[in-house]
Amino acid sequence: MARYSRIEVALTMKENGMVPLFFHSDLEISKKVLKACYDGGARLMEFTSRGDFAHEVFGALNKYALAELPGMILGVGSITDAAAASLYMSLGANFIVTPVFREDIAIACNRRKVLWSPGCGTLTEIARAEELGCEVVKLFPGDIYGPEFIKAIKGPCPWTNIMPTGGVLPTIESLTSWFNAGAYCVGIGSQLISKDILDNNDFEGLKTKVSQVLDIINNIKNK
């Protein structure tokens, strides 16, 4: 079961400002990625369920996090139905991220008081998700909507917490535009944990990159 409540997860998202996301079928590489992000200051990781036997890798990776990385909150993404959400929650997933909005996933997660972040693209979807207890909405794909979408939503709904994913770059310019528009936090995948980093086993470089991004976010938020 989850070790962190949905409120604890939501507050960590706000404090850290970034949720790195990745998938790799190799457990040892996944451990190195998770450790590099942790050492760089990240305290959340979304393991995207996009390959065969992904749940087996996640289960072992979560055991590693619990044993070796105190305070690291591991969740799972790319979940599209309640059965998959339940499977991962039984493996200790602390949050569930989905590319779509589905009420069956909301019900399954709420039953266990696990944070779920559904992919929404309209204010109607966002409002319905919040009616079902959503703390943090995922804006996906972020590059299609852009920062101005968040700014527009925050006008009539200042209580809405939005995490753009897709189209967020680990640069001062991109991060400034998203956070100044009102982003609660951001999700960054291959732009942060790139193919080059994985191919070259450059986990020290990943650690440095994560630290730099978190410093940028912290500076933006404290201006």
C-alpha atoms as a PDB file:
ATOM      1  CA  MET A   1       0.000   0.000   0.000  1.00  0.00           C
ATOM      2  CA  ALA A   2       0.997   3.629  -0.406  1.00  0.00           C
ATOM      3  CA  ARG A   3       3.344   4.998   2.262  1.00  0.00           C
ATOM      4  CA  TYR A   4       2.375   8.615   1.566  1.00  0.00           C
ATOM      5  CA  SER A   5      -1.093  10.155   1.718  1.00  0.00           C
ATOM      6  CA  ARG A   6      -2.465  12.067  -1.235  1.00  0.00           C
ATOM      7  CA  ILE A   7      -2.067  15.322   0.692  1.00  0.00           C
ATOM      8  CA  GLU A   8       1.596  14.540   1.428  1.00  0.00           C
ATOM      9  CA  VAL A   9       2.169  13.774  -2.242  1.00  0.00           C
ATOM     10  CA  ALA A  10       0.410  16.950  -3.389  1.00  0.00           C
ATOM     11  CA  LEU A  11       2.415  19.101  -0.986  1.00  0.00           C
ATOM     12  CA  THR A  12       5.678  17.487  -2.113  1.00  0.00           C
ATOM     13  CA  MET A  13       4.733  18.195  -5.729  1.00  0.00           C
ATOM     14  CA  LYS A  14       4.288  21.856  -4.838  1.00  0.00           C
ATOM     15  CA  GLU A  15       7.477  22.045  -2.778  1.00  0.00           C
ATOM     16  CA  ASN A  16       9.725  20.201  -5.249  1.00  0.00           C
ATOM     17  CA  GLY A  17       8.071  21.716  -8.301  1.00  0.00           C
ATOM     18  CA  MET A  18       9.014  18.874 -10.653  1.00  0.00           C
ATOM     19  CA  VAL A  19       8.036  15.257 -11.241  1.00  0.00           C
ATOM     20  CA  PRO A  20      10.599  13.422 -13.420  1.00  0.00           C
ATOM     21  CA  LEU A  21       9.061  10.606 -15.444  1.00  0.00           C
ATOM     22  CA  PHE A  22      10.611   7.694 -17.263  1.00  0.00           C
ATOM     23  CA  PHE A  23      10.332   4.032 -18.168  1.00  0.00           C
ATOM     24  CA  HIS A  24      13.021   1.440 -18.656  1.00  0.00           C
ATOM     25  CA  SER A  25      12.604  -2.319 -18.774  1.00  0.00           C
ATOM     26  CA  ASP A  26      15.945  -2.931 -17.060  1.00  0.00           C
ATOM     27  CA  LEU A  27      15.675  -2.811 -13.272  1.00  0.00           C
ATOM     28  CA  GLU A  28      19.321  -1.936 -12.636  1.00  0.00           C
ATOM     29  CA  ILE A  29      19.223   0.996 -15.035  1.00  0.00           C
ATOM     30  CA  SER A  30      15.947   2.115 -13.471  1.00  0.00           C
ATOM     31  CA  LYS A  31      17.594   2.059 -10.038  1.00  0.00           C
ATOM     32  CA  LYS A  32      20.464   4.212 -11.294  1.00  0.00           C
ATOM     33  CA  VAL A  33      18.053   6.714 -12.832  1.00  0.00           C
ATOM     34  CA  LEU A  34      16.025   6.905  -9.639  1.00  0.00           C
ATOM     35  CA  LYS A  35      19.163   7.288  -7.483  1.00  0.00           C
ATOM     36  CA  ALA A  36      20.548  10.048  -9.732  1.00  0.00           C
ATOM     37  CA  CYS A  37      17.282  11.981  -9.557  1.00  0.00           C
ATOM     38  CA  TYR A  38      17.161  11.484  -5.786  1.00  0.00           C
ATOM     39  CA  ASP A  39      20.752  12.648  -5.330  1.00  0.00           C
ATOM     40  CA  GLY A  40      19.939  15.665  -7.492  1.00  0.00           C
ATOM     41  CA  GLY A  41      17.175  16.654  -5.079  1.00  0.00           C
ATOM     42  CA  ALA A  42      14.045  15.177  -6.656  1.00  0.00           C
ATOM     43  CA  ARG A  43      11.653  13.605  -4.181  1.00  0.00           C
ATOM     44  CA  LEU A  44       9.088  12.286  -6.644  1.00  0.00           C
ATOM     45  CA  MET A  45       9.322   9.996  -9.640  1.00  0.00           C
ATOM     46  CA  GLU A  46       6.642   8.865 -12.077  1.00  0.00           C
ATOM     47  CA  PHE A  47       7.449   5.449 -13.510  1.00  0.00           C
ATOM     48  CA  THR A  48       5.499   5.261 -16.752  1.00  0.00           C
ATOM     49  CA  SER A  49       3.833   1.897 -17.394  1.00  0.00           C
ATOM     50  CA  ARG A  50       4.659   1.512 -21.065  1.00  0.00           C
ATOM     51  CA  GLY A  51       6.257  -1.872 -21.531  1.00  0.00           C
ATOM     52  CA  ASP A  52       5.738  -5.573 -20.989  1.00  0.00           C
ATOM     53  CA  PHE A  53       6.162  -6.616 -17.349  1.00  0.00           C
ATOM     54  CA  ALA A  54       6.436  -2.953 -16.314  1.00  0.00           C
ATOM     55  CA  HIS A  55       4.652  -3.734 -13.062  1.00  0.00           C
ATOM     56  CA  GLU A  56       7.356  -6.229 -12.122  1.00  0.00           C
ATOM     57  CA  VAL A  57      10.055  -3.598 -12.609  1.00  0.00           C
ATOM     58  CA  PHE A  58       8.017  -1.073 -10.653  1.00  0.00           C
ATOM     59  CA  GLY A  59       7.486  -3.432  -7.726  1.00  0.00           C
ATOM     60  CA  ALA A  60      11.205  -4.094  -7.385  1.00  0.00           C
ATOM     61  CA  LEU A  61      12.050  -0.426  -7.916  1.00  0.00           C
ATOM     62  CA  ASN A  62       9.650   0.649  -5.196  1.00  0.00           C
ATOM     63  CA  LYS A  63      11.194  -1.841  -2.759  1.00  0.00           C
ATOM     64  CA  TYR A  64      14.579  -0.321  -3.588  1.00  0.00           C
ATOM     65  CA  ALA A  65      13.273   3.204  -2.980  1.00  0.00           C
ATOM     66  CA  LEU A  66      11.770   2.238   0.356  1.00  0.00           C
ATOM     67  CA  ALA A  67      14.974   0.558   1.498  1.00  0.00           C
ATOM     68  CA  GLU A  68      17.606   2.920   0.137  1.00  0.00           C
ATOM     69  CA  LEU A  69      16.076   6.329  -0.688  1.00  0.00           C
ATOM     70  CA  PRO A  70      14.223   7.760   2.327  1.00  0.00           C
ATOM     71  CA  GLY A  71      11.641  10.330   1.346  1.00  0.00           C
ATOM     72  CA  MET A  72      11.490   9.351  -2.327  1.00  0.00           C
ATOM     73  CA  ILE A  73       7.851   9.129  -3.420  1.00  0.00           C
ATOM     74  CA  LEU A  74       7.440   6.700  -6.303  1.00  0.00           C
ATOM     75  CA  GLY A  75       4.270   6.703  -8.390  1.00  0.00           C
ATOM     76  CA  VAL A  76       3.176   5.362 -11.748  1.00  0.00           C
ATOM     77  CA  GLY A  77       1.959   6.978 -14.954  1.00  0.00           C
ATOM     78  CA  SER A  78       0.313   6.081 -18.269  1.00  0.00           C
ATOM     79  CA  ILE A  79      -2.476   4.258 -16.432  1.00  0.00           C
ATOM     80  CA  THR A  80      -5.678   3.948 -18.473  1.00  0.00           C
ATOM     81  CA  ASP A  81      -8.042   1.809 -16.380  1.00  0.00           C
ATOM     82  CA  ALA A  82      -8.941   1.032 -12.774  1.00  0.00           C
ATOM     83  CA  ALA A  83      -7.567  -2.518 -12.935  1.00  0.00           C
ATOM     84  CA  ALA A  84      -4.081  -1.249 -13.762  1.00  0.00           C
ATOM     85  CA  ALA A  85      -4.350   1.419 -11.053  1.00  0.00           C
ATOM     86  CA  SER A  86      -5.308  -1.220  -8.496  1.00  0.00           C
ATOM     87  CA  LEU A  87      -2.442  -3.474  -9.572  1.00  0.00           C
ATOM     88  CA  TYR A  88       0.112  -0.729  -9.065  1.00  0.00           C
ATOM     89  CA  MET A  89      -1.409   0.409  -5.773  1.00  0.00           C
ATOM     90  CA  SER A  90      -1.043  -3.167  -4.523  1.00  0.00           C
ATOM     91  CA  LEU A  91       2.669  -2.759  -5.335  1.00  0.00           C
ATOM     92  CA  GLY A  92       2.852   0.403  -3.254  1.00  0.00           C
ATOM     93  CA  ALA A  93       2.350   3.160  -5.833  1.00  0.00           C
ATOM     94  CA  ASN A  94       2.021   6.455  -3.976  1.00  0.00           C
ATOM     95  CA  PHE A  95       0.260   8.247  -6.819  1.00  0.00           C
ATOM     96  CA  ILE A  96      -1.390   7.398 -10.116  1.00  0.00           C
ATOM     97  CA  VAL A  97      -1.078   9.582 -13.225  1.00  0.00           C
ATOM     98  CA  THR A  98      -3.274   9.048 -16.266  1.00  0.00           C
ATOM     99  CA  PRO A  99      -3.243  10.480 -19.809  1.00  0.00           C
ATOM    100  CA  VAL A 100      -7.055  10.600 -19.746  1.00  0.00           C
ATOM    101  CA  PHE A 101      -9.849  11.406 -17.304  1.00  0.00           C
ATOM    102  CA  ARG A 102     -11.678   8.277 -16.110  1.00  0.00           C
ATOM    103  CA  GLU A 103     -14.063   8.079 -13.189  1.00  0.00           C
ATOM    104  CA  ASP A 104     -13.301   4.401 -12.542  1.00  0.00           C
ATOM    105  CA  ILE A 105      -9.678   5.300 -11.781  1.00  0.00           C
ATOM    106  CA  ALA A 106     -10.833   8.116  -9.493  1.00  0.00           C
ATOM    107  CA  ILE A 107     -13.022   5.723  -7.526  1.00  0.00           C
ATOM    108  CA  ALA A 108     -10.277   3.085  -7.209  1.00  0.00           C
ATOM    109  CA  CYS A 109      -7.701   5.624  -6.006  1.00  0.00           C
ATOM    110  CA  ASN A 110     -10.064   7.489  -3.680  1.00  0.00           C
ATOM    111  CA  ARG A 111     -11.002   4.213  -2.040  1.00  0.00           C
ATOM    112  CA  ARG A 112      -7.376   3.881  -0.915  1.00  0.00           C
ATOM    113  CA  LYS A 113      -6.811   7.629  -0.486  1.00  0.00           C
ATOM    114  CA  VAL A 114      -4.080   7.612  -3.141  1.00  0.00           C
ATOM    115  CA  LEU A 115      -3.455  10.768  -5.171  1.00  0.00           C
ATOM    116  CA  TRP A 116      -4.553  10.472  -8.788  1.00  0.00           C
ATOM    117  CA  SER A 117      -3.701  13.041 -11.439  1.00  0.00           C
ATOM    118  CA  PRO A 118      -5.867  12.711 -14.555  1.00  0.00           C
ATOM    119  CA  GLY A 119      -4.992  14.120 -17.950  1.00  0.00           C
ATOM    120  CA  CYS A 120      -7.506  16.875 -18.700  1.00  0.00           C
ATOM    121  CA  GLY A 121      -7.826  19.251 -21.629  1.00  0.00           C
ATOM    122  CA  THR A 122     -10.929  21.322 -20.882  1.00  0.00           C
ATOM    123  CA  LEU A 123     -12.214  23.288 -17.921  1.00  0.00           C
ATOM    124  CA  THR A 124     -15.239  20.979 -17.815  1.00  0.00           C
ATOM    125  CA  GLU A 125     -12.975  17.926 -17.417  1.00  0.00           C
ATOM    126  CA  ILE A 126     -10.936  19.731 -14.777  1.00  0.00           C
ATOM    127  CA  ALA A 127     -14.030  20.735 -12.809  1.00  0.00           C
ATOM    128  CA  ARG A 128     -15.398  17.185 -12.923  1.00  0.00           C
ATOM    129  CA  ALA A 129     -12.061  15.769 -11.783  1.00  0.00           C
ATOM    130  CA  GLU A 130     -12.036  18.176  -8.846  1.00  0.00           C
ATOM    131  CA  GLU A 131     -15.588  17.170  -7.949  1.00  0.00           C
ATOM    132  CA  LEU A 132     -14.235  13.623  -7.694  1.00  0.00           C
ATOM    133  CA  GLY A 133     -11.479  14.717  -5.311  1.00  0.00           C
ATOM    134  CA  CYS A 134      -8.570  15.461  -7.646  1.00  0.00           C
ATOM    135  CA  GLU A 135      -5.828  17.523  -5.976  1.00  0.00           C
ATOM    136  CA  VAL A 136      -3.531  18.007  -8.986  1.00  0.00           C
ATOM    137  CA  VAL A 137      -4.700  17.926 -12.587  1.00  0.00           C
ATOM    138  CA  LYS A 138      -2.343  16.849 -15.345  1.00  0.00           C
ATOM    139  CA  LEU A 139      -2.390  19.085 -18.435  1.00  0.00           C
ATOM    140  CA  PHE A 140      -1.523  16.811 -21.337  1.00  0.00           C
ATOM    141  CA  PRO A 141      -0.100  17.267 -23.859  1.00  0.00           C
ATOM    142  CA  GLY A 142       1.286  20.495 -22.432  1.00  0.00           C
ATOM    143  CA  ASP A 143       2.895  21.704 -25.649  1.00  0.00           C
ATOM    144  CA  ILE A 144      -0.482  21.719 -27.417  1.00  0.00           C
ATOM    145  CA  TYR A 145      -2.129  23.915 -24.773  1.00  0.00           C
ATOM    146  CA  GLY A 146       0.795  26.062 -23.628  1.00  0.00           C
ATOM    147  CA  PRO A 147       1.228  28.224 -20.516  1.00  0.00           C
ATOM    148  CA  GLU A 148      -1.564  30.598 -21.556  1.00  0.00           C
ATOM    149  CA  PHE A 149      -4.086  27.794 -21.010  1.00  0.00           C
ATOM    150  CA  ILE A 150      -3.113  27.569 -17.347  1.00  0.00           C
ATOM    151  CA  LYS A 151      -3.235  31.331 -16.976  1.00  0.00           C
ATOM    152  CA  ALA A 152      -6.745  31.378 -18.432  1.00  0.00           C
ATOM    153  CA  ILE A 153      -7.950  28.560 -16.156  1.00  0.00           C
ATOM    154  CA  LYS A 154      -6.501  30.148 -13.018  1.00  0.00           C
ATOM    155  CA  GLY A 155      -8.569  33.277 -13.644  1.00  0.00           C
ATOM    156  CA  PRO A 156     -12.000  31.843 -12.829  1.00  0.00           C
ATOM    157  CA  CYS A 157     -10.606  28.870 -10.859  1.00  0.00           C
ATOM    158  CA  PRO A 158      -7.630  30.048  -8.763  1.00  0.00           C
ATOM    159  CA  TRP A 159      -7.895  26.928  -6.569  1.00  0.00           C
ATOM    160  CA  THR A 160      -7.070  24.596  -9.456  1.00  0.00           C
ATOM    161  CA  ASN A 161      -3.634  22.915  -9.302  1.00  0.00           C
ATOM    162  CA  ILE A 162      -2.245  22.070 -12.734  1.00  0.00           C
ATOM    163  CA  MET A 163       0.816  19.989 -13.661  1.00  0.00           C
ATOM    164  CA  PRO A 164       1.742  20.381 -17.357  1.00  0.00           C
ATOM    165  CA  THR A 165       3.457  17.354 -18.867  1.00  0.00           C
ATOM    166  CA  GLY A 166       4.767  17.176 -22.410  1.00  0.00           C
ATOM    167  CA  GLY A 167       6.349  20.277 -23.883  1.00  0.00           C
ATOM    168  CA  VAL A 168       8.049  21.356 -20.659  1.00  0.00           C
ATOM    169  CA  LEU A 169      11.753  21.959 -21.255  1.00  0.00           C
ATOM    170  CA  PRO A 170      14.436  22.003 -18.525  1.00  0.00           C
ATOM    171  CA  THR A 171      15.391  25.587 -19.400  1.00  0.00           C
ATOM    172  CA  ILE A 172      14.993  28.921 -17.627  1.00  0.00           C
ATOM    173  CA  GLU A 173      12.768  30.237 -20.409  1.00  0.00           C
ATOM    174  CA  SER A 174      10.390  27.286 -20.515  1.00  0.00           C
ATOM    175  CA  LEU A 175      10.121  26.834 -16.759  1.00  0.00           C
ATOM    176  CA  THR A 176       9.623  30.563 -16.201  1.00  0.00           C
ATOM    177  CA  SER A 177       6.756  30.651 -18.696  1.00  0.00           C
ATOM    178  CA  TRP A 178       4.980  27.709 -17.054  1.00  0.00           C
ATOM    179  CA  PHE A 179       5.379  28.783 -13.447  1.00  0.00           C
ATOM    180  CA  ASN A 180       4.610  32.427 -14.118  1.00  0.00           C
ATOM    181  CA  ALA A 181       1.386  31.256 -15.767  1.00  0.00           C
ATOM    182  CA  GLY A 182       0.428  29.473 -12.530  1.00  0.00           C
ATOM    183  CA  ALA A 183       1.674  25.888 -12.891  1.00  0.00           C
ATOM    184  CA  TYR A 184       1.563  23.982  -9.594  1.00  0.00           C
ATOM    185  CA  CYS A 185       4.460  21.782 -10.677  1.00  0.00           C
ATOM    186  CA  VAL A 186       5.749  20.318 -13.943  1.00  0.00           C
ATOM    187  CA  GLY A 187       6.301  16.834 -15.290  1.00  0.00           C
ATOM    188  CA  ILE A 188       9.443  16.330 -17.402  1.00  0.00           C
ATOM    189  CA  GLY A 189      10.349  13.124 -19.193  1.00  0.00           C
ATOM    190  CA  SER A 190      12.782  12.611 -22.072  1.00  0.00           C
ATOM    191  CA  GLN A 191      13.868  16.236 -22.042  1.00  0.00           C
ATOM    192  CA  LEU A 192      15.364  15.529 -18.616  1.00  0.00           C
ATOM    193  CA  ILE A 193      16.147  11.805 -18.698  1.00  0.00           C
ATOM    194  CA  SER A 194      17.316  11.740 -22.292  1.00  0.00           C
ATOM    195  CA  LYS A 195      18.253   8.830 -24.517  1.00  0.00           C
ATOM    196  CA  ASP A 196      21.842  10.091 -24.573  1.00  0.00           C
ATOM    197  CA  ILE A 197      22.040   9.966 -20.777  1.00  0.00           C
ATOM    198  CA  LEU A 198      20.739   6.402 -20.760  1.00  0.00           C
ATOM    199  CA  ASP A 199      22.895   5.238 -23.681  1.00  0.00           C
ATOM    200  CA  ASN A 200      26.031   6.708 -22.110  1.00  0.00           C
ATOM    201  CA  ASN A 201      25.186   5.717 -18.526  1.00  0.00           C
ATOM    202  CA  ASP A 202      25.725   9.365 -17.603  1.00  0.00           C
ATOM    203  CA  PHE A 203      23.974   9.206 -14.259  1.00  0.00           C
ATOM    204  CA  GLU A 204      26.270  11.786 -12.700  1.00  0.00           C
ATOM    205  CA  GLY A 205      25.241  14.143 -15.506  1.00  0.00           C
ATOM    206  CA  LEU A 206      21.591  13.364 -14.786  1.00  0.00           C
ATOM    207  CA  LYS A 207      22.110  14.166 -11.112  1.00  0.00           C
ATOM    208  CA  THR A 208      23.608  17.537 -12.046  1.00  0.00           C
ATOM    209  CA  LYS A 209      20.824  18.272 -14.524  1.00  0.00           C
ATOM    210  CA  VAL A 210      18.102  17.502 -11.977  1.00  0.00           C
ATOM    211  CA  SER A 211      19.782  19.727  -9.420  1.00  0.00           C
ATOM    212  CA  GLN A 212      20.043  22.567 -11.928  1.00  0.00           C
ATOM    213  CA  VAL A 213      16.370  22.318 -12.890  1.00  0.00           C
ATOM    214  CA  LEU A 214      15.259  22.310  -9.261  1.00  0.00           C
ATOM    215  CA  ASP A 215      17.432  25.382  -8.611  1.00  0.00           C
ATOM    216  CA  ILE A 216      15.819  27.164 -11.557  1.00  0.00           C
ATOM    217  CA  ILE A 217      12.329  26.308 -10.296  1.00  0.00           C
ATOM    218  CA  ASN A 218      13.170  27.422  -6.773  1.00  0.00           C
ATOM    219  CA  ASN A 219      14.528  30.742  -8.044  1.00  0.00           C
ATOM    220  CA  ILE A 220      11.427  31.356 -10.168  1.00  0.00           C
ATOM    221  CA  LYS A 221       9.069  30.609  -7.297  1.00  0.00           C
ATOM    222  CA  ASN A 222      10.975  32.837  -4.868  1.00  0.00           C
ATOM    223  CA  LYS A 223      11.091  35.932  -7.077  1.00  0.00           C
END
